[in-house]
Amino acid sequence: MPDTSSNTLVLYDGVCGLCNGLNQFLLKRDPDNHFRFASLQSEFAASLLKRYDINAVDLDTVYVVADYGQPSQRLLARSDAVLHVLGQLGGVWSVFRAGRVFPKTVREALYNLVARYRYRVFGKYEVCLMPEEKYRKKFLDLVATQPS
């Protein structure tokens, strides 16, 4: 059974160069062990998103389950998800919490622009990348059969 004491689960496009790069960024800046990950292409993510009536085939959307595994768990998507994750990093990155002062339509337009061109700019893998062994336990789609 995976460790769900962490409170932030990131559901990402496993073949996206930008998404995988951001995961690496988060892994290296997570001394408090806050973050867990799962690829949107996994059965784990599909099962979890189904609980929220969401079809995981939309790979243009990053999702975050805040308070994952807790009664208060909630799903965030797109720009809300990105701002939540950056805010969870602490330190200088907490400034991104202030991004919520911008109208959601503006944040979503920027998110959509990045999502549309991410493969062209950052590349696309043929298959989901495997994380380094030291990080593997943080990828719940690799260690769990059913989400919490």
C-alpha atoms as a PDB file:
ATOM      1  CA  MET A   1       0.000   0.000   0.000  1.00  0.00           C
ATOM      2  CA  PRO A   2       1.431   3.428  -0.938  1.00  0.00           C
ATOM      3  CA  ASP A   3       2.188   6.120   1.610  1.00  0.00           C
ATOM      4  CA  THR A   4      -0.622   8.687   1.423  1.00  0.00           C
ATOM      5  CA  SER A   5       0.553  10.845   4.313  1.00  0.00           C
ATOM      6  CA  SER A   6       1.673  13.314   1.662  1.00  0.00           C
ATOM      7  CA  ASN A   7      -1.012  15.794   0.792  1.00  0.00           C
ATOM      8  CA  THR A   8      -0.482  16.677  -2.880  1.00  0.00           C
ATOM      9  CA  LEU A   9      -0.953  14.231  -5.758  1.00  0.00           C
ATOM     10  CA  VAL A  10      -0.037  15.517  -9.231  1.00  0.00           C
ATOM     11  CA  LEU A  11      -1.743  13.825 -12.213  1.00  0.00           C
ATOM     12  CA  TYR A  12       0.268  14.671 -15.318  1.00  0.00           C
ATOM     13  CA  ASP A  13       0.674  13.785 -19.006  1.00  0.00           C
ATOM     14  CA  GLY A  14       3.325  11.069 -18.876  1.00  0.00           C
ATOM     15  CA  VAL A  15       4.626  11.623 -22.411  1.00  0.00           C
ATOM     16  CA  CYS A  16       4.922  15.421 -22.152  1.00  0.00           C
ATOM     17  CA  GLY A  17       8.449  16.807 -21.924  1.00  0.00           C
ATOM     18  CA  LEU A  18       7.265  19.877 -19.993  1.00  0.00           C
ATOM     19  CA  CYS A  19       5.265  17.791 -17.517  1.00  0.00           C
ATOM     20  CA  ASN A  20       8.141  15.401 -16.880  1.00  0.00           C
ATOM     21  CA  GLY A  21      10.527  18.333 -16.497  1.00  0.00           C
ATOM     22  CA  LEU A  22       8.226  19.921 -13.928  1.00  0.00           C
ATOM     23  CA  ASN A  23       8.030  16.627 -12.043  1.00  0.00           C
ATOM     24  CA  GLN A  24      11.827  16.533 -11.857  1.00  0.00           C
ATOM     25  CA  PHE A  25      11.791  20.147 -10.641  1.00  0.00           C
ATOM     26  CA  LEU A  26       9.303  19.237  -7.890  1.00  0.00           C
ATOM     27  CA  LEU A  27      11.132  16.061  -6.870  1.00  0.00           C
ATOM     28  CA  LYS A  28      14.351  17.990  -6.294  1.00  0.00           C
ATOM     29  CA  ARG A  29      12.574  20.649  -4.217  1.00  0.00           C
ATOM     30  CA  ASP A  30      10.471  18.411  -1.993  1.00  0.00           C
ATOM     31  CA  PRO A  31      12.445  17.956   1.239  1.00  0.00           C
ATOM     32  CA  ASP A  32       9.229  17.618   3.260  1.00  0.00           C
ATOM     33  CA  ASN A  33       8.011  14.788   1.017  1.00  0.00           C
ATOM     34  CA  HIS A  34       4.757  16.570   0.079  1.00  0.00           C
ATOM     35  CA  PHE A  35       4.340  15.382  -3.494  1.00  0.00           C
ATOM     36  CA  ARG A  36       3.161  12.175  -5.123  1.00  0.00           C
ATOM     37  CA  PHE A  37       2.646  11.649  -8.843  1.00  0.00           C
ATOM     38  CA  ALA A  38       0.677   9.531 -11.301  1.00  0.00           C
ATOM     39  CA  SER A  39       0.551   9.615 -15.077  1.00  0.00           C
ATOM     40  CA  LEU A  40      -2.799  10.458 -16.669  1.00  0.00           C
ATOM     41  CA  GLN A  41      -2.202   7.463 -18.951  1.00  0.00           C
ATOM     42  CA  SER A  42      -2.311   5.076 -15.985  1.00  0.00           C
ATOM     43  CA  GLU A  43      -5.234   3.002 -14.746  1.00  0.00           C
ATOM     44  CA  PHE A  44      -4.583   4.529 -11.334  1.00  0.00           C
ATOM     45  CA  ALA A  45      -5.332   8.069 -12.613  1.00  0.00           C
ATOM     46  CA  ALA A  46      -8.310   6.894 -14.678  1.00  0.00           C
ATOM     47  CA  SER A  47      -9.836   5.213 -11.634  1.00  0.00           C
ATOM     48  CA  LEU A  48      -9.263   8.241  -9.424  1.00  0.00           C
ATOM     49  CA  LEU A  49     -10.607  10.763 -11.947  1.00  0.00           C
ATOM     50  CA  LYS A  50     -13.664   8.604 -12.593  1.00  0.00           C
ATOM     51  CA  ARG A  51     -14.721   9.351  -9.005  1.00  0.00           C
ATOM     52  CA  TYR A  52     -14.927  12.996 -10.071  1.00  0.00           C
ATOM     53  CA  ASP A  53     -16.761  12.125 -13.324  1.00  0.00           C
ATOM     54  CA  ILE A  54     -13.698  13.041 -15.381  1.00  0.00           C
ATOM     55  CA  ASN A  55     -12.383  11.037 -18.324  1.00  0.00           C
ATOM     56  CA  ALA A  56      -8.583  10.861 -18.161  1.00  0.00           C
ATOM     57  CA  VAL A  57      -8.190  10.960 -21.950  1.00  0.00           C
ATOM     58  CA  ASP A  58      -7.885  14.775 -21.816  1.00  0.00           C
ATOM     59  CA  LEU A  59      -4.109  15.004 -21.634  1.00  0.00           C
ATOM     60  CA  ASP A  60      -4.163  18.812 -21.938  1.00  0.00           C
ATOM     61  CA  THR A  61      -5.185  19.102 -18.294  1.00  0.00           C
ATOM     62  CA  VAL A  62      -2.968  18.735 -15.256  1.00  0.00           C
ATOM     63  CA  TYR A  63      -4.852  17.746 -12.119  1.00  0.00           C
ATOM     64  CA  VAL A  64      -3.855  17.995  -8.486  1.00  0.00           C
ATOM     65  CA  VAL A  65      -5.575  16.161  -5.677  1.00  0.00           C
ATOM     66  CA  ALA A  66      -4.992  18.386  -2.653  1.00  0.00           C
ATOM     67  CA  ASP A  67      -5.087  16.604   0.707  1.00  0.00           C
ATOM     68  CA  TYR A  68      -4.864  13.284  -1.136  1.00  0.00           C
ATOM     69  CA  GLY A  69      -6.022  10.351   0.963  1.00  0.00           C
ATOM     70  CA  GLN A  70      -7.707  12.583   3.532  1.00  0.00           C
ATOM     71  CA  PRO A  71     -11.462  13.200   4.015  1.00  0.00           C
ATOM     72  CA  SER A  72     -10.862  16.781   2.857  1.00  0.00           C
ATOM     73  CA  GLN A  73      -9.282  15.737  -0.464  1.00  0.00           C
ATOM     74  CA  ARG A  74     -10.305  17.924  -3.405  1.00  0.00           C
ATOM     75  CA  LEU A  75      -9.520  18.031  -7.104  1.00  0.00           C
ATOM     76  CA  LEU A  76      -7.934  21.063  -8.746  1.00  0.00           C
ATOM     77  CA  ALA A  77      -7.385  21.432 -12.480  1.00  0.00           C
ATOM     78  CA  ARG A  78      -5.351  23.467 -14.941  1.00  0.00           C
ATOM     79  CA  SER A  79      -4.147  26.849 -13.631  1.00  0.00           C
ATOM     80  CA  ASP A  80      -5.586  26.213 -10.153  1.00  0.00           C
ATOM     81  CA  ALA A  81      -3.547  22.990 -10.000  1.00  0.00           C
ATOM     82  CA  VAL A  82      -0.337  24.693 -11.134  1.00  0.00           C
ATOM     83  CA  LEU A  83      -0.694  27.538  -8.628  1.00  0.00           C
ATOM     84  CA  HIS A  84      -1.426  25.083  -5.817  1.00  0.00           C
ATOM     85  CA  VAL A  85       1.681  23.019  -6.551  1.00  0.00           C
ATOM     86  CA  LEU A  86       3.972  26.035  -6.796  1.00  0.00           C
ATOM     87  CA  GLY A  87       2.505  27.421  -3.578  1.00  0.00           C
ATOM     88  CA  GLN A  88       3.206  24.101  -1.828  1.00  0.00           C
ATOM     89  CA  LEU A  89       6.915  24.396  -2.604  1.00  0.00           C
ATOM     90  CA  GLY A  90       7.293  27.114   0.014  1.00  0.00           C
ATOM     91  CA  GLY A  91      10.068  29.667   0.078  1.00  0.00           C
ATOM     92  CA  VAL A  92      10.262  32.039  -2.852  1.00  0.00           C
ATOM     93  CA  TRP A  93       7.820  29.841  -4.788  1.00  0.00           C
ATOM     94  CA  SER A  94       5.002  30.770  -2.402  1.00  0.00           C
ATOM     95  CA  VAL A  95       4.699  34.041  -4.294  1.00  0.00           C
ATOM     96  CA  PHE A  96       2.807  32.102  -6.984  1.00  0.00           C
ATOM     97  CA  ARG A  97      -0.137  31.805  -4.613  1.00  0.00           C
ATOM     98  CA  ALA A  98      -0.731  35.461  -5.454  1.00  0.00           C
ATOM     99  CA  GLY A  99      -1.499  34.331  -9.015  1.00  0.00           C
ATOM    100  CA  ARG A 100      -5.047  33.729  -7.871  1.00  0.00           C
ATOM    101  CA  VAL A 101      -5.624  37.491  -7.862  1.00  0.00           C
ATOM    102  CA  PHE A 102      -5.713  37.348 -11.659  1.00  0.00           C
ATOM    103  CA  PRO A 103      -9.095  36.501 -13.162  1.00  0.00           C
ATOM    104  CA  LYS A 104      -9.466  32.794 -13.839  1.00  0.00           C
ATOM    105  CA  THR A 105     -10.226  33.509 -17.509  1.00  0.00           C
ATOM    106  CA  VAL A 106      -6.798  35.148 -17.877  1.00  0.00           C
ATOM    107  CA  ARG A 107      -5.028  32.302 -16.047  1.00  0.00           C
ATOM    108  CA  GLU A 108      -6.846  29.684 -18.124  1.00  0.00           C
ATOM    109  CA  ALA A 109      -6.018  31.477 -21.391  1.00  0.00           C
ATOM    110  CA  LEU A 110      -2.328  31.398 -20.480  1.00  0.00           C
ATOM    111  CA  TYR A 111      -2.608  27.755 -19.400  1.00  0.00           C
ATOM    112  CA  ASN A 112      -4.315  26.858 -22.703  1.00  0.00           C
ATOM    113  CA  LEU A 113      -1.565  28.574 -24.694  1.00  0.00           C
ATOM    114  CA  VAL A 114       1.151  26.592 -22.914  1.00  0.00           C
ATOM    115  CA  ALA A 115      -0.859  23.347 -23.208  1.00  0.00           C
ATOM    116  CA  ARG A 116      -1.368  23.847 -26.945  1.00  0.00           C
ATOM    117  CA  TYR A 117       2.341  24.265 -27.734  1.00  0.00           C
ATOM    118  CA  ARG A 118       4.016  22.171 -25.035  1.00  0.00           C
ATOM    119  CA  TYR A 119       4.844  19.201 -27.285  1.00  0.00           C
ATOM    120  CA  ARG A 120       6.361  21.456 -29.953  1.00  0.00           C
ATOM    121  CA  VAL A 121       8.479  23.398 -27.487  1.00  0.00           C
ATOM    122  CA  PHE A 122       9.374  20.748 -24.890  1.00  0.00           C
ATOM    123  CA  GLY A 123       8.963  17.529 -26.866  1.00  0.00           C
ATOM    124  CA  LYS A 124       6.882  14.396 -26.547  1.00  0.00           C
ATOM    125  CA  TYR A 125       8.043  10.933 -25.507  1.00  0.00           C
ATOM    126  CA  GLU A 126       6.823   7.739 -27.141  1.00  0.00           C
ATOM    127  CA  VAL A 127       6.129   6.162 -23.741  1.00  0.00           C
ATOM    128  CA  CYS A 128       5.815   7.401 -20.173  1.00  0.00           C
ATOM    129  CA  LEU A 129       9.217   7.892 -18.572  1.00  0.00           C
ATOM    130  CA  MET A 130      10.254   5.769 -15.619  1.00  0.00           C
ATOM    131  CA  PRO A 131      11.414   7.793 -12.618  1.00  0.00           C
ATOM    132  CA  GLU A 132      14.783   7.262 -10.989  1.00  0.00           C
ATOM    133  CA  GLU A 133      14.747   4.399  -8.482  1.00  0.00           C
ATOM    134  CA  LYS A 134      15.092   6.769  -5.503  1.00  0.00           C
ATOM    135  CA  TYR A 135      11.859   8.535  -6.523  1.00  0.00           C
ATOM    136  CA  ARG A 136       9.841   5.540  -7.694  1.00  0.00           C
ATOM    137  CA  LYS A 137       7.811   5.171  -4.476  1.00  0.00           C
ATOM    138  CA  LYS A 138       6.439   8.693  -5.046  1.00  0.00           C
ATOM    139  CA  PHE A 139       4.783   7.581  -8.307  1.00  0.00           C
ATOM    140  CA  LEU A 140       1.589   5.988  -7.073  1.00  0.00           C
ATOM    141  CA  ASP A 141       0.691   4.519 -10.454  1.00  0.00           C
ATOM    142  CA  LEU A 142       3.820   2.368 -10.124  1.00  0.00           C
ATOM    143  CA  VAL A 143       3.235   1.234  -6.529  1.00  0.00           C
ATOM    144  CA  ALA A 144      -0.554   1.142  -6.119  1.00  0.00           C
ATOM    145  CA  THR A 145      -3.382  -0.732  -7.730  1.00  0.00           C
ATOM    146  CA  GLN A 146      -6.247   1.424  -6.431  1.00  0.00           C
ATOM    147  CA  PRO A 147      -6.306   5.102  -5.443  1.00  0.00           C
ATOM    148  CA  SER A 148      -7.321   6.189  -1.935  1.00  0.00           C
END
